Amino acid sequence: MVEVGMQQRLVGGGAQGPGRRRVLVAAAGAAGGLLAGTGGAAARVPGAGGRLDVAAENERPGDSGWRVTRPGPAQAIEGFAGETSVLPGEPVRLYVSTTASSYRVSAYRMGWYGGARARLVWRSPALAGARQGAARTEPATRMVTTGWRPSLRLDTTGWPEGCYLLRLDTADGTAQRFVPLTVRSCTTRGRLVVVNAVATWQAYNRWGGADLYQGPTGTKASRSLAVSFDRPYRARNGAGQFLFFEAPLVALAERMGLPLAYATGVDVAREPHLLDGAVGIVSPGHDEYWSPEQRRHVTCARDAGTNLAVLGANCCYRRVRFAPSAVGADRTVVCFKEDYAADPGHRAGLPPTNDFRRSPLPEPESELLGVIYDGYPVDAPYVVTEPAHWLLAGTGARYGDSFPHLVGVEYDCVDTRYPTPRPIEVVAHSPVVCKGRRAHADTAYSTHASGAGVFAAGTMRWVEALDVTGPGKGAHGLDARAGAFTRTVTENLLRAFSRGPAGRVRPAADNLTAYYPGAPPVGSGV
């Protein structure tokens, strides 16, 4: 048996007790190739019915050393989880390939934690490393997979619900990579549901040479028609799009101590009643790829009074289908786009995997969101036009105030040529020029008969801006003014949405004709 004792860190536990005993058993089994790790029962978080108590969780000490600071060579260490999400206590298969003789795994829960932004929940003993096979490409769809064998199995008993980054560290300290994982909530009732956009992360993942946009030749002709979760993320740190489009939102919401639940878009698609009783659904900065089932379940929740906050742009734009892989159910994201007619699933009667607004099954995203994706790329100031709106309370913003670079790189607008729920309020109306065409990006708030409120930021940089503080500038030239503005608006929004159907207390006062004079009046059926 390998003695790990004091090398093992179980936050909230100790050197003795059942948590340590399970880790020792895990270490003893490591040589057999499959490890059973644990978070230890002491990692449980107080909360009614075992649900996450966000405030109590974030009072625990954080660990500021969670980041990947030494990514090392491309294949020095990398991995993926065999599950995009699990319930607390369910096992996670971890697939790891490394050129190192040994490595460790550290499980960090992402949140606020006094500004540290993560807490170490579990750490493995030293594990034997092995290099796994090269990428495989499925000829019919050019989908890239690994064919790797599982390296270890993690026991998530005691891990609180939330967003996790599993960090892989080579024993010599020269290389690190993340593996993202969602520990999803058992119930969303009475909670704001943060939905990780894992299908979108995968759509842009070019590990192995291809994603849904281009392939080895650098052209659309060699792109994948389906992408697999059975591979690492190519992004330098391995975290997909989580760290810049989602982590700042998670930190803000957890700092506020709001009642939160966590899920992925795959979970929302799979479970028709997952959103029952939720007070709000929160979509992050880039949430482009949805299945028809996910859209249907979110729409049903909205129509039952659940608020919807879209803190990005280009949301619910691509229609996909989830399919199984050799690793498990819903591990493949199918999206043929303009080649949908060649999709065997569509030929068999399934919905086309092209843009939601396109024929042969046009369902513009504006039906759900109030706004519609309008273009790429742009870089423009965000312009306030309704400073008295309740969402802007405490920002100090005045009419015409602008925030450089906050609109980009994709944007949405209200466009009544497409179905548009009314009443709807335009809160900010920002001039943009996209490929020589003049237009506007809109931040909009609409309300529905169910009482649900729907907020759409209209810019993909909203969540990124939440992290910009101090005298320096963040990505894209965003400054501290933009950071303070977006944080305050987001706090106003999430606080209101956490109290129940926002439209019952704050109904939208339709102002669309002031911005689009040709827009039909309220009640005309658009």
Protein backbone atom coordinates (compact mmCIF):
# COMPACT_ATOMS: atom_id res chain seq x y z
CA MET A 1 0.00 0.00 0.00
CA VAL A 2 1.21 3.50 -0.87
CA GLU A 3 1.21 5.76 2.19
CA VAL A 4 -0.05 9.23 1.22
CA GLY A 5 -0.90 10.61 4.66
CA MET A 6 0.14 14.25 4.91
CA GLN A 7 0.68 14.59 1.16
CA GLN A 8 -3.09 14.32 0.71
CA ARG A 9 -5.12 17.45 1.19
CA LEU A 10 -8.82 17.09 1.90
CA VAL A 11 -10.14 20.55 2.62
CA GLY A 12 -12.59 20.46 5.52
CA GLY A 13 -11.27 16.99 6.52
CA GLY A 14 -8.07 15.93 8.21
CA ALA A 15 -5.32 13.36 8.36
CA GLN A 16 -7.62 10.82 10.01
CA GLY A 17 -11.12 9.53 9.42
CA PRO A 18 -13.04 7.86 6.59
CA GLY A 19 -11.86 10.33 3.93
CA ARG A 20 -8.20 9.38 4.50
CA ARG A 21 -8.97 5.65 4.60
CA ARG A 22 -10.67 5.82 1.18
CA VAL A 23 -7.70 7.69 -0.28
CA LEU A 24 -5.31 5.02 0.99
CA VAL A 25 -7.44 2.34 -0.63
CA ALA A 26 -7.36 4.41 -3.82
CA ALA A 27 -3.58 4.63 -3.76
CA ALA A 28 -3.27 0.92 -3.19
CA GLY A 29 -5.35 0.26 -6.30
CA ALA A 30 -3.52 2.72 -8.54
CA ALA A 31 -1.13 0.11 -9.89
CA GLY A 32 -4.10 -1.79 -11.26
CA GLY A 33 -4.88 1.11 -13.58
CA LEU A 34 -8.21 2.25 -12.08
CA LEU A 35 -8.15 4.53 -9.06
CA ALA A 36 -11.07 5.21 -6.71
CA GLY A 37 -10.55 8.67 -5.22
CA THR A 38 -12.80 10.59 -2.86
CA GLY A 39 -13.57 14.05 -1.67
CA GLY A 40 -14.31 12.76 1.84
CA ALA A 41 -17.58 13.17 3.68
CA ALA A 42 -16.17 16.17 5.52
CA ALA A 43 -16.35 18.20 2.29
CA ARG A 44 -20.14 18.30 2.42
CA VAL A 45 -21.62 21.78 2.51
CA PRO A 46 -24.48 22.70 4.84
CA GLY A 47 -27.79 23.39 3.18
CA ALA A 48 -31.44 22.46 3.31
CA GLY A 49 -31.96 18.95 2.00
CA GLY A 50 -28.27 18.69 1.14
CA ARG A 51 -28.51 21.53 -1.39
CA LEU A 52 -25.63 23.91 -1.92
CA ASP A 53 -25.40 26.76 0.59
CA VAL A 54 -23.46 29.24 -1.53
CA ALA A 55 -22.66 31.66 1.29
CA ALA A 56 -21.40 28.89 3.59
CA GLU A 57 -19.34 27.32 0.84
CA ASN A 58 -17.63 30.60 0.02
CA GLU A 59 -16.71 31.22 3.64
CA ARG A 60 -14.27 28.32 3.32
CA PRO A 61 -10.61 29.16 2.65
CA GLY A 62 -9.77 29.50 -1.01
CA ASP A 63 -6.65 28.39 -2.84
CA SER A 64 -5.10 31.09 -5.01
CA GLY A 65 -2.62 28.66 -6.54
CA TRP A 66 -5.22 26.87 -8.68
CA ARG A 67 -4.25 28.33 -12.05
CA VAL A 68 -2.25 26.61 -14.78
CA THR A 69 1.03 28.50 -14.82
CA ARG A 70 3.23 25.92 -16.58
CA PRO A 71 1.32 24.42 -19.51
CA GLY A 72 4.44 22.77 -20.89
CA PRO A 73 4.65 21.08 -24.31
CA ALA A 74 1.40 20.27 -26.10
CA GLN A 75 1.26 16.58 -25.19
CA ALA A 76 3.19 16.59 -21.92
CA ILE A 77 -0.04 15.99 -20.02
CA GLU A 78 -3.67 16.25 -21.07
CA GLY A 79 -6.95 14.57 -20.35
CA PHE A 80 -10.73 14.56 -20.39
CA ALA A 81 -13.57 13.38 -18.18
CA GLY A 82 -15.84 10.56 -19.27
CA GLU A 83 -18.81 12.55 -17.93
CA THR A 84 -19.58 16.21 -18.67
CA SER A 85 -21.46 16.32 -15.38
CA VAL A 86 -22.23 14.13 -12.38
CA LEU A 87 -24.39 14.39 -9.29
CA PRO A 88 -22.48 14.66 -6.01
CA GLY A 89 -21.28 11.18 -5.10
CA GLU A 90 -21.36 9.81 -8.63
CA PRO A 91 -18.06 8.54 -10.09
CA VAL A 92 -16.07 10.31 -12.78
CA ARG A 93 -13.84 8.47 -15.22
CA LEU A 94 -10.71 10.42 -15.99
CA TYR A 95 -8.71 9.74 -19.15
CA VAL A 96 -5.12 11.00 -18.97
CA SER A 97 -2.19 10.86 -21.37
CA THR A 98 1.24 12.07 -20.28
CA THR A 99 4.89 11.69 -21.19
CA ALA A 100 5.75 11.96 -17.49
CA SER A 101 6.41 8.92 -15.31
CA SER A 102 3.85 10.12 -12.75
CA TYR A 103 1.33 12.88 -12.11
CA ARG A 104 -1.27 14.15 -9.63
CA VAL A 105 -4.86 15.31 -9.95
CA SER A 106 -6.24 18.25 -7.96
CA ALA A 107 -9.97 19.03 -7.93
CA TYR A 108 -10.75 22.75 -7.60
CA ARG A 109 -14.28 24.04 -7.14
CA MET A 110 -14.66 27.44 -8.78
CA GLY A 111 -16.38 30.27 -6.93
CA TRP A 112 -15.47 33.45 -5.07
CA TYR A 113 -13.68 32.36 -1.88
CA GLY A 114 -12.65 35.83 -0.79
CA GLY A 115 -11.21 36.56 -4.21
CA ALA A 116 -9.10 33.39 -4.48
CA ARG A 117 -11.71 32.12 -6.99
CA ALA A 118 -11.25 28.42 -6.23
CA ARG A 119 -11.11 25.90 -3.39
CA LEU A 120 -9.11 22.68 -3.36
CA VAL A 121 -11.63 19.93 -2.64
CA TRP A 122 -9.47 16.86 -3.28
CA ARG A 123 -6.00 15.86 -4.37
CA SER A 124 -4.76 12.46 -5.51
CA PRO A 125 -1.59 10.67 -4.52
CA ALA A 126 1.11 10.27 -7.16
CA LEU A 127 -0.21 8.20 -10.05
CA ALA A 128 1.69 6.23 -12.68
CA GLY A 129 1.76 8.08 -16.00
CA ALA A 130 1.38 6.64 -19.48
CA ARG A 131 1.27 8.02 -23.00
CA GLN A 132 -1.98 7.10 -24.77
CA GLY A 133 -2.70 6.83 -28.49
CA ALA A 134 -2.86 9.53 -31.13
CA ALA A 135 -6.09 11.18 -32.28
CA ARG A 136 -8.44 9.17 -34.46
CA THR A 137 -10.66 10.64 -37.19
CA GLU A 138 -14.00 9.08 -38.10
CA PRO A 139 -14.14 9.22 -41.92
CA ALA A 140 -17.85 9.94 -42.50
CA THR A 141 -18.04 13.03 -40.29
CA ARG A 142 -14.33 13.82 -39.78
CA MET A 143 -15.01 13.67 -36.04
CA VAL A 144 -11.89 13.45 -33.87
CA THR A 145 -11.80 11.07 -30.88
CA THR A 146 -9.09 9.42 -28.80
CA GLY A 147 -9.90 5.76 -28.15
CA TRP A 148 -8.06 6.15 -24.82
CA ARG A 149 -8.51 3.86 -21.85
CA PRO A 150 -9.69 5.31 -18.51
CA SER A 151 -6.80 6.14 -16.19
CA LEU A 152 -8.65 6.50 -12.90
CA ARG A 153 -12.08 6.80 -11.34
CA LEU A 154 -12.88 9.67 -9.00
CA ASP A 155 -15.42 9.34 -6.21
CA THR A 156 -17.14 12.73 -5.85
CA THR A 157 -18.74 11.95 -2.49
CA GLY A 158 -18.81 15.18 -0.52
CA TRP A 159 -17.99 17.41 -3.47
CA PRO A 160 -20.37 20.41 -3.40
CA GLU A 161 -22.36 21.20 -6.53
CA GLY A 162 -20.65 23.63 -8.86
CA CYS A 163 -18.11 24.15 -11.62
CA TYR A 164 -14.84 22.27 -11.23
CA LEU A 165 -11.46 22.33 -12.86
CA LEU A 166 -9.46 19.14 -12.37
CA ARG A 167 -5.81 20.10 -12.68
CA LEU A 168 -3.32 17.55 -13.95
CA ASP A 169 0.28 18.16 -12.79
CA THR A 170 3.30 16.16 -13.92
CA ALA A 171 5.40 15.01 -10.98
CA ASP A 172 8.40 17.05 -12.12
CA GLY A 173 6.28 20.21 -12.15
CA THR A 174 6.97 21.07 -15.78
CA ALA A 175 3.46 20.69 -17.22
CA GLN A 176 -0.15 21.27 -16.15
CA ARG A 177 -3.56 21.05 -17.79
CA PHE A 178 -7.18 21.44 -16.72
CA VAL A 179 -10.08 19.07 -17.24
CA PRO A 180 -13.46 20.81 -16.72
CA LEU A 181 -16.29 19.06 -14.89
CA THR A 182 -19.72 20.11 -13.61
CA VAL A 183 -21.03 18.62 -10.38
CA ARG A 184 -24.67 19.28 -11.13
CA SER A 185 -27.44 20.08 -8.69
CA CYS A 186 -29.96 17.49 -7.54
CA THR A 187 -32.71 20.09 -7.74
CA THR A 188 -33.07 23.57 -9.22
CA ARG A 189 -36.27 24.52 -7.39
CA GLY A 190 -36.06 28.04 -5.99
CA ARG A 191 -32.62 28.55 -7.53
CA LEU A 192 -30.85 30.42 -10.30
CA VAL A 193 -29.47 27.77 -12.63
CA VAL A 194 -26.04 28.47 -14.10
CA VAL A 195 -25.87 26.43 -17.33
CA ASN A 196 -22.39 25.57 -18.55
CA ALA A 197 -22.29 25.84 -22.36
CA VAL A 198 -20.32 22.64 -22.91
CA ALA A 199 -21.61 22.02 -26.45
CA THR A 200 -20.22 25.41 -27.51
CA TRP A 201 -16.87 24.68 -25.86
CA GLN A 202 -16.68 21.48 -27.88
CA ALA A 203 -17.77 23.13 -31.14
CA TYR A 204 -14.65 25.33 -31.01
CA ASN A 205 -12.30 22.59 -29.77
CA ARG A 206 -9.70 21.84 -32.43
CA TRP A 207 -7.86 19.13 -30.51
CA GLY A 208 -6.72 16.55 -33.03
CA GLY A 209 -6.97 19.00 -35.93
CA ALA A 210 -10.66 19.74 -36.50
CA ASP A 211 -13.70 21.43 -34.98
CA LEU A 212 -17.09 22.47 -36.39
CA TYR A 213 -15.47 25.38 -38.28
CA GLN A 214 -12.35 24.06 -39.98
CA GLY A 215 -10.15 21.04 -40.26
CA PRO A 216 -6.52 20.19 -41.02
CA THR A 217 -6.54 22.13 -44.30
CA GLY A 218 -7.75 25.26 -42.51
CA THR A 219 -10.94 25.33 -44.58
CA LYS A 220 -14.63 24.62 -44.05
CA ALA A 221 -14.39 21.73 -46.47
CA SER A 222 -12.29 19.74 -43.99
CA ARG A 223 -14.26 20.70 -40.87
CA SER A 224 -15.94 18.15 -38.64
CA LEU A 225 -19.67 17.52 -39.01
CA ALA A 226 -19.74 16.19 -35.46
CA VAL A 227 -17.43 16.71 -32.49
CA SER A 228 -16.76 14.50 -29.51
CA PHE A 229 -16.40 15.03 -25.77
CA ASP A 230 -14.03 12.05 -25.84
CA ARG A 231 -10.92 14.22 -26.18
CA PRO A 232 -9.08 16.98 -24.30
CA TYR A 233 -9.61 20.66 -25.03
CA ARG A 234 -6.96 22.15 -27.26
CA ALA A 235 -7.00 25.52 -25.46
CA ARG A 236 -3.58 26.07 -23.91
CA ASN A 237 -4.80 25.44 -20.36
CA GLY A 238 -7.32 22.69 -21.23
CA ALA A 239 -10.36 24.48 -19.78
CA GLY A 240 -12.25 25.05 -23.04
CA GLN A 241 -14.09 28.38 -22.98
CA PHE A 242 -14.92 28.23 -19.26
CA LEU A 243 -12.34 30.64 -17.85
CA PHE A 244 -13.20 33.68 -19.95
CA PHE A 245 -16.89 33.21 -20.81
CA GLU A 246 -18.14 31.65 -17.56
CA ALA A 247 -15.78 31.82 -14.57
CA PRO A 248 -16.20 35.60 -13.98
CA LEU A 249 -19.98 35.10 -13.84
CA VAL A 250 -19.67 32.18 -11.40
CA ALA A 251 -17.40 34.24 -9.15
CA LEU A 252 -19.80 37.21 -9.10
CA ALA A 253 -22.90 35.11 -8.43
CA GLU A 254 -21.20 33.16 -5.65
CA ARG A 255 -19.82 36.34 -4.08
CA MET A 256 -23.40 37.62 -3.91
CA GLY A 257 -24.44 34.49 -2.00
CA LEU A 258 -27.42 33.90 -4.29
CA PRO A 259 -29.31 30.58 -4.31
CA LEU A 260 -27.57 28.81 -7.19
CA ALA A 261 -27.85 25.49 -8.98
CA TYR A 262 -25.50 24.13 -11.63
CA ALA A 263 -26.10 22.11 -14.80
CA THR A 264 -24.84 21.80 -18.37
CA GLY A 265 -26.75 22.29 -21.59
CA VAL A 266 -26.59 18.51 -22.06
CA ASP A 267 -28.38 18.03 -18.71
CA VAL A 268 -31.08 20.55 -19.62
CA ALA A 269 -31.65 18.73 -22.92
CA ARG A 270 -31.73 15.28 -21.32
CA GLU A 271 -34.01 15.98 -18.34
CA PRO A 272 -37.44 17.50 -19.16
CA HIS A 273 -38.16 18.44 -15.54
CA LEU A 274 -34.71 19.63 -14.49
CA LEU A 275 -35.80 23.28 -14.56
CA ASP A 276 -39.11 22.76 -12.72
CA GLY A 277 -39.46 25.45 -10.07
CA ALA A 278 -36.23 27.26 -10.94
CA VAL A 279 -36.44 31.02 -10.41
CA GLY A 280 -34.04 31.76 -13.24
CA ILE A 281 -31.76 30.32 -15.90
CA VAL A 282 -28.42 31.99 -16.53
CA SER A 283 -26.74 31.59 -19.93
CA PRO A 284 -23.05 32.64 -20.00
CA GLY A 285 -20.99 34.69 -22.45
CA HIS A 286 -20.92 32.24 -25.36
CA ASP A 287 -23.79 29.74 -25.54
CA GLU A 288 -24.25 29.21 -29.26
CA TYR A 289 -25.00 25.49 -29.69
CA TRP A 290 -28.33 24.13 -28.39
CA SER A 291 -30.33 21.02 -29.11
CA PRO A 292 -34.08 21.31 -29.84
CA GLU A 293 -34.72 19.55 -26.53
CA GLN A 294 -32.70 22.10 -24.57
CA ARG A 295 -34.52 24.95 -26.27
CA ARG A 296 -37.91 23.33 -25.66
CA HIS A 297 -37.22 22.78 -21.97
CA VAL A 298 -35.95 26.34 -21.46
CA THR A 299 -38.98 27.73 -23.30
CA CYS A 300 -41.34 25.66 -21.13
CA ALA A 301 -39.59 26.97 -18.02
CA ARG A 302 -39.90 30.56 -19.23
CA ASP A 303 -43.58 30.01 -19.95
CA ALA A 304 -44.02 28.69 -16.40
CA GLY A 305 -42.51 31.86 -14.89
CA THR A 306 -38.77 31.10 -14.81
CA ASN A 307 -36.64 34.12 -15.67
CA LEU A 308 -33.95 33.87 -18.34
CA ALA A 309 -30.70 35.88 -18.27
CA VAL A 310 -28.55 35.74 -21.41
CA LEU A 311 -25.19 37.33 -20.56
CA GLY A 312 -23.69 37.06 -24.00
CA ALA A 313 -24.60 37.14 -27.67
CA ASN A 314 -25.11 34.58 -30.43
CA CYS A 315 -27.08 32.44 -27.98
CA CYS A 316 -29.19 29.47 -29.18
CA TYR A 317 -28.03 30.02 -32.76
CA ARG A 318 -26.90 26.58 -33.95
CA ARG A 319 -29.21 23.58 -33.72
CA VAL A 320 -27.41 20.36 -32.71
CA ARG A 321 -28.18 16.77 -31.85
CA PHE A 322 -26.56 14.86 -29.01
CA ALA A 323 -25.59 11.29 -29.80
CA PRO A 324 -23.76 8.54 -27.91
CA SER A 325 -20.10 7.59 -28.23
CA ALA A 326 -18.10 4.56 -27.15
CA VAL A 327 -17.60 6.30 -23.79
CA GLY A 328 -21.24 7.08 -23.02
CA ALA A 329 -24.55 8.77 -23.85
CA ASP A 330 -24.69 12.31 -25.25
CA ARG A 331 -20.94 12.42 -25.88
CA THR A 332 -21.23 13.52 -29.53
CA VAL A 333 -22.40 16.94 -30.78
CA VAL A 334 -23.77 16.62 -34.32
CA CYS A 335 -24.02 19.81 -36.40
CA PHE A 336 -23.90 19.50 -40.18
CA LYS A 337 -24.82 23.20 -40.66
CA GLU A 338 -25.36 23.98 -44.36
CA ASP A 339 -24.70 20.32 -45.18
CA TYR A 340 -27.70 19.21 -43.10
CA ALA A 341 -29.28 17.33 -46.03
CA ALA A 342 -26.40 14.84 -45.88
CA ASP A 343 -27.02 14.10 -42.19
CA PRO A 344 -28.25 10.49 -41.84
CA GLY A 345 -30.19 11.51 -38.75
CA HIS A 346 -32.10 14.16 -40.66
CA ARG A 347 -32.75 11.73 -43.49
CA ALA A 348 -34.29 9.43 -40.87
CA GLY A 349 -36.69 12.17 -39.76
CA LEU A 350 -34.79 14.02 -37.04
CA PRO A 351 -34.61 17.85 -37.02
CA PRO A 352 -31.93 19.37 -39.25
CA THR A 353 -28.70 20.28 -37.51
CA ASN A 354 -28.37 23.73 -39.04
CA ASP A 355 -29.04 27.26 -37.73
CA PHE A 356 -32.31 27.52 -35.83
CA ARG A 357 -33.56 30.33 -38.05
CA ARG A 358 -32.92 28.47 -41.34
CA SER A 359 -35.17 26.31 -43.46
CA PRO A 360 -36.39 23.59 -43.54
CA LEU A 361 -37.38 24.15 -39.88
CA PRO A 362 -37.10 27.89 -39.17
CA GLU A 363 -37.27 28.69 -35.45
CA PRO A 364 -35.51 32.05 -34.99
CA GLU A 365 -33.87 32.41 -31.58
CA SER A 366 -35.67 35.73 -31.09
CA GLU A 367 -38.82 33.75 -30.24
CA LEU A 368 -37.12 32.77 -27.00
CA LEU A 369 -34.67 35.61 -26.37
CA GLY A 370 -36.30 38.75 -27.79
CA VAL A 371 -33.07 39.54 -29.67
CA ILE A 372 -31.41 37.87 -32.63
CA TYR A 373 -27.79 37.39 -33.61
CA ASP A 374 -26.82 40.01 -36.18
CA GLY A 375 -23.14 39.81 -37.02
CA TYR A 376 -19.43 39.24 -36.58
CA PRO A 377 -16.89 40.72 -36.09
CA VAL A 378 -17.41 44.08 -34.41
CA ASP A 379 -15.55 46.17 -31.85
CA ALA A 380 -17.59 49.15 -30.69
CA PRO A 381 -18.49 51.23 -27.64
CA TYR A 382 -21.52 50.20 -25.59
CA VAL A 383 -23.92 53.18 -25.46
CA VAL A 384 -26.45 53.73 -22.66
CA THR A 385 -29.80 55.04 -23.85
CA GLU A 386 -32.13 54.32 -20.89
CA PRO A 387 -30.13 55.42 -17.81
CA ALA A 388 -33.23 55.48 -15.56
CA HIS A 389 -33.95 51.80 -16.12
CA TRP A 390 -33.93 49.70 -12.93
CA LEU A 391 -31.20 47.48 -14.32
CA LEU A 392 -28.82 50.47 -14.38
CA ALA A 393 -29.53 51.62 -10.81
CA GLY A 394 -26.28 52.40 -9.01
CA THR A 395 -24.16 52.58 -12.16
CA GLY A 396 -24.16 56.37 -12.30
CA ALA A 397 -24.56 56.09 -16.07
CA ARG A 398 -26.15 58.95 -17.98
CA TYR A 399 -27.76 59.11 -21.39
CA GLY A 400 -25.14 58.69 -24.10
CA ASP A 401 -22.42 57.35 -21.82
CA SER A 402 -20.26 54.86 -23.65
CA PHE A 403 -17.91 52.06 -22.67
CA PRO A 404 -15.18 51.43 -25.27
CA HIS A 405 -14.84 47.93 -26.75
CA LEU A 406 -17.69 46.45 -24.69
CA VAL A 407 -19.64 45.51 -27.83
CA GLY A 408 -17.92 42.62 -29.58
CA VAL A 409 -16.92 40.34 -31.05
CA GLU A 410 -20.44 39.17 -31.91
CA TYR A 411 -23.62 41.09 -31.16
CA ASP A 412 -27.40 40.81 -31.08
CA CYS A 413 -30.19 43.24 -31.84
CA VAL A 414 -33.98 43.49 -31.78
CA ASP A 415 -35.32 42.80 -35.28
CA THR A 416 -39.07 42.58 -35.76
CA ARG A 417 -38.62 40.94 -39.15
CA TYR A 418 -38.31 37.89 -36.90
CA PRO A 419 -40.82 36.85 -34.20
CA THR A 420 -40.25 39.18 -31.24
CA PRO A 421 -41.96 38.82 -27.84
CA ARG A 422 -43.61 42.03 -26.62
CA PRO A 423 -43.45 44.08 -24.49
CA ILE A 424 -39.72 44.58 -24.84
CA GLU A 425 -37.49 47.42 -23.68
CA VAL A 426 -34.26 48.48 -25.33
CA VAL A 427 -31.91 49.53 -22.51
CA ALA A 428 -28.78 50.23 -24.56
CA HIS A 429 -28.61 50.89 -28.31
CA SER A 430 -25.02 50.85 -29.55
CA PRO A 431 -24.02 51.79 -33.12
CA VAL A 432 -21.81 49.20 -34.82
CA VAL A 433 -20.29 48.69 -38.24
CA CYS A 434 -20.07 45.05 -39.26
CA LYS A 435 -18.31 44.27 -42.54
CA GLY A 436 -19.21 47.73 -43.84
CA ARG A 437 -22.87 47.51 -42.75
CA ARG A 438 -24.17 49.98 -40.15
CA ALA A 439 -26.40 48.54 -37.46
CA HIS A 440 -27.01 48.57 -33.69
CA ALA A 441 -26.36 46.17 -30.84
CA ASP A 442 -29.19 46.07 -28.30
CA THR A 443 -29.41 45.20 -24.64
CA ALA A 444 -33.06 44.29 -24.13
CA TYR A 445 -35.48 43.25 -21.39
CA SER A 446 -38.81 41.61 -22.14
CA THR A 447 -41.56 40.16 -19.98
CA HIS A 448 -44.12 37.43 -20.56
CA ALA A 449 -47.63 36.44 -19.52
CA SER A 450 -46.15 33.91 -17.09
CA GLY A 451 -44.38 36.74 -15.28
CA ALA A 452 -40.97 35.66 -16.51
CA GLY A 453 -38.42 38.31 -17.35
CA VAL A 454 -35.88 37.80 -20.13
CA PHE A 455 -32.66 39.81 -20.28
CA ALA A 456 -30.30 39.76 -23.25
CA ALA A 457 -26.96 41.59 -22.96
CA GLY A 458 -26.50 41.76 -26.75
CA THR A 459 -22.70 41.50 -26.64
CA MET A 460 -20.34 38.56 -26.21
CA ARG A 461 -17.92 40.56 -24.05
CA TRP A 462 -20.28 41.09 -21.11
CA VAL A 463 -18.96 38.27 -18.91
CA GLU A 464 -15.33 38.99 -19.79
CA ALA A 465 -15.86 42.60 -18.64
CA LEU A 466 -16.98 41.45 -15.17
CA ASP A 467 -13.36 40.66 -14.32
CA VAL A 468 -11.82 43.99 -15.32
CA THR A 469 -10.77 46.02 -12.26
CA GLY A 470 -8.06 48.47 -11.30
CA PRO A 471 -6.11 50.91 -13.45
CA GLY A 472 -5.04 48.47 -16.15
CA LYS A 473 -7.06 47.16 -19.07
CA GLY A 474 -8.35 43.70 -19.73
CA ALA A 475 -8.79 41.74 -22.91
CA HIS A 476 -9.92 43.72 -25.98
CA GLY A 477 -9.02 47.01 -24.23
CA LEU A 478 -11.90 46.77 -21.73
CA ASP A 479 -11.33 49.10 -18.79
CA ALA A 480 -12.35 49.34 -15.14
CA ARG A 481 -15.36 51.56 -15.99
CA ALA A 482 -16.79 48.78 -18.14
CA GLY A 483 -16.06 46.29 -15.38
CA ALA A 484 -17.82 48.33 -12.72
CA PHE A 485 -20.78 48.99 -15.01
CA THR A 486 -21.33 45.36 -16.04
CA ARG A 487 -20.90 44.11 -12.48
CA THR A 488 -23.51 46.50 -11.12
CA VAL A 489 -26.03 45.74 -13.87
CA THR A 490 -25.46 42.01 -13.45
CA GLU A 491 -25.93 42.25 -9.69
CA ASN A 492 -29.20 44.15 -10.19
CA LEU A 493 -30.33 41.56 -12.70
CA LEU A 494 -29.44 38.42 -10.73
CA ARG A 495 -30.81 39.81 -7.48
CA ALA A 496 -34.16 40.62 -9.14
CA PHE A 497 -34.31 37.30 -11.02
CA SER A 498 -33.57 35.33 -7.83
CA ARG A 499 -36.79 36.66 -6.23
CA GLY A 500 -39.17 35.00 -8.66
CA PRO A 501 -40.95 36.05 -11.87
CA ALA A 502 -39.47 39.50 -12.50
CA GLY A 503 -42.21 40.59 -14.87
CA ARG A 504 -44.79 40.58 -12.09
CA VAL A 505 -42.83 43.23 -10.19
CA ARG A 506 -41.00 44.93 -13.05
CA PRO A 507 -43.01 44.56 -16.26
CA ALA A 508 -41.30 45.76 -19.41
CA ALA A 509 -42.49 49.12 -20.74
CA ASP A 510 -42.26 48.61 -24.48
CA ASN A 511 -40.16 51.32 -26.16
CA LEU A 512 -39.33 49.61 -29.42
CA THR A 513 -40.87 52.18 -31.75
CA ALA A 514 -38.58 54.84 -30.27
CA TYR A 515 -35.58 52.88 -31.55
CA TYR A 516 -37.08 51.21 -34.60
CA PRO A 517 -39.81 53.53 -35.90
CA GLY A 518 -41.06 50.92 -38.36
CA ALA A 519 -41.64 48.34 -35.65
CA PRO A 520 -45.23 47.11 -35.31
CA PRO A 521 -47.04 48.31 -32.17
CA VAL A 522 -47.47 46.08 -29.12
CA GLY A 523 -50.32 43.63 -29.59
CA SER A 524 -49.93 43.35 -33.34
CA GLY A 525 -48.86 39.71 -33.08
CA VAL A 526 -45.09 40.00 -33.53
